[in-house]
Structure formats: structure tokens, C-alpha cells
Amino acid sequence: MTTRTRRETIVFHQPFRLRGIDRELPAGAYDVVTDEELIEGLSFPVFRRVATMITLPCAPPHQNAIEMVAIDPETVRDARQAEASANQP
């Protein structure tokens, strides 16, 4: 099975929350990694998402370390929309 990994850096300008994460996260840049696999047997290449992860600072007292947490990609989209809504006049 052929797989690919996509990486994206998302910036939050204020503290935020993600569904499934039990703490508020600080503003900053976060790496989101999506693994996809090729669906074989089609006449053109099609990939399907198999996993999405985000790198987060660990909770205190280990905040100098990072952890990679599996998330639903819609959770990030919702957090970005919430931040955009909060910044509108």
C-alpha cells in the first residue's frame, strides 16, 4: 500500500481548546500531520486519510517536551473558525 504524509503548520493567535484535549493550549504555531493511503485499482490516483495528528506542548510540569496527539481534522477546523469569529468586529 502506498502512503503519503502531508504536513501543515497552523498558527493560533490566542489560547484555544481542541475537542478531546483536556486543557487550554497556548497561542503559537502547531504542526498538523496527515497520513493518507492510496486507494488502488482506480484509473486515477485517489488518497484517503487514515490519521491526523497534532504536535502539542506537554502539560505542566513537562511543558518543555512535545507530544503528538491523534485528532479529528474537523476539531482543528472548528478551533480555527472559533478564533476567526472571535476576531471579527
Protein backbone atom coordinates (compact mmCIF):
# COMPACT_ATOMS: atom_id res chain seq x y z
CA MET A 1 0.00 0.00 0.00
CA THR A 2 1.36 3.42 -0.97
CA THR A 3 1.14 6.08 1.72
CA ARG A 4 1.97 9.75 1.90
CA THR A 5 2.28 12.23 4.70
CA ARG A 6 1.17 15.85 4.50
CA ARG A 7 2.43 18.44 6.98
CA GLU A 8 0.89 21.81 7.70
CA THR A 9 1.75 24.47 10.25
CA ILE A 10 -1.26 26.21 11.76
CA VAL A 11 -0.90 29.39 13.81
CA PHE A 12 -3.28 30.33 16.61
CA HIS A 13 -3.00 33.93 17.79
CA GLN A 14 -4.72 33.36 21.12
CA PRO A 15 -5.12 30.45 23.54
CA PHE A 16 -7.57 27.83 22.28
CA ARG A 17 -9.15 24.47 23.00
CA LEU A 18 -9.47 21.33 20.91
CA ARG A 19 -12.18 18.73 21.41
CA GLY A 20 -10.61 15.71 23.05
CA ILE A 21 -7.76 17.68 24.69
CA ASP A 22 -8.45 18.33 28.37
CA ARG A 23 -6.55 21.61 28.69
CA GLU A 24 -6.32 25.04 27.11
CA LEU A 25 -3.46 25.30 24.63
CA PRO A 26 -1.28 28.40 24.31
CA ALA A 27 -1.20 30.60 21.23
CA GLY A 28 1.51 29.62 18.77
CA ALA A 29 2.39 27.52 15.74
CA TYR A 30 1.30 23.89 15.68
CA ASP A 31 2.30 21.17 13.23
CA VAL A 32 -0.54 19.03 11.88
CA VAL A 33 0.46 15.77 10.18
CA THR A 34 -1.97 13.80 8.00
CA ASP A 35 -1.21 10.29 6.76
CA GLU A 36 -3.04 9.14 3.65
CA GLU A 37 -3.04 5.87 1.72
CA LEU A 38 -3.56 5.28 -1.98
CA ILE A 39 -6.80 3.58 -2.97
CA GLU A 40 -5.65 1.07 -5.55
CA GLY A 41 -7.47 -0.16 -8.62
CA LEU A 42 -8.79 3.19 -9.86
CA SER A 43 -7.84 4.80 -13.16
CA PHE A 44 -6.54 7.90 -11.34
CA PRO A 45 -4.74 8.36 -8.01
CA VAL A 46 -7.01 8.85 -5.00
CA PHE A 47 -5.82 9.02 -1.41
CA ARG A 48 -7.86 8.59 1.75
CA ARG A 49 -6.97 9.98 5.15
CA VAL A 50 -6.04 7.33 7.68
CA ALA A 51 -4.73 9.50 10.54
CA THR A 52 -4.36 13.14 11.57
CA MET A 53 -2.09 14.19 14.43
CA ILE A 54 -1.08 17.48 16.00
CA THR A 55 2.06 18.24 17.98
CA LEU A 56 1.33 19.86 21.34
CA PRO A 57 3.40 21.05 24.27
CA CYS A 58 3.06 18.58 27.12
CA ALA A 59 1.06 19.57 30.17
CA PRO A 60 2.94 21.03 33.14
CA PRO A 61 5.38 20.21 34.63
CA HIS A 62 6.72 18.79 31.32
CA GLN A 63 5.80 21.73 29.06
CA ASN A 64 9.31 21.80 27.53
CA ALA A 65 8.55 18.47 25.83
CA ILE A 66 6.09 17.87 23.00
CA GLU A 67 3.60 15.12 22.30
CA MET A 68 1.86 14.04 19.11
CA VAL A 69 -1.87 13.50 19.61
CA ALA A 70 -4.29 11.88 17.16
CA ILE A 71 -7.21 14.19 16.41
CA ASP A 72 -10.23 14.52 14.18
CA PRO A 73 -9.28 17.09 11.50
CA GLU A 74 -12.63 18.79 11.98
CA THR A 75 -11.53 19.68 15.51
CA VAL A 76 -8.76 21.90 14.11
CA ARG A 77 -11.12 23.43 11.58
CA ASP A 78 -13.61 24.25 14.35
CA ALA A 79 -10.90 25.85 16.52
CA ARG A 80 -9.71 27.99 13.60
CA GLN A 81 -13.27 29.09 12.85
CA ALA A 82 -13.84 29.95 16.52
CA GLU A 83 -10.69 32.09 16.56
CA ALA A 84 -11.71 33.86 13.33
CA SER A 85 -15.19 34.56 14.74
CA ALA A 86 -13.74 35.96 17.96
CA ASN A 87 -11.52 38.35 15.97
CA GLN A 88 -14.34 39.79 13.85
CA PRO A 89 -15.65 43.23 14.84
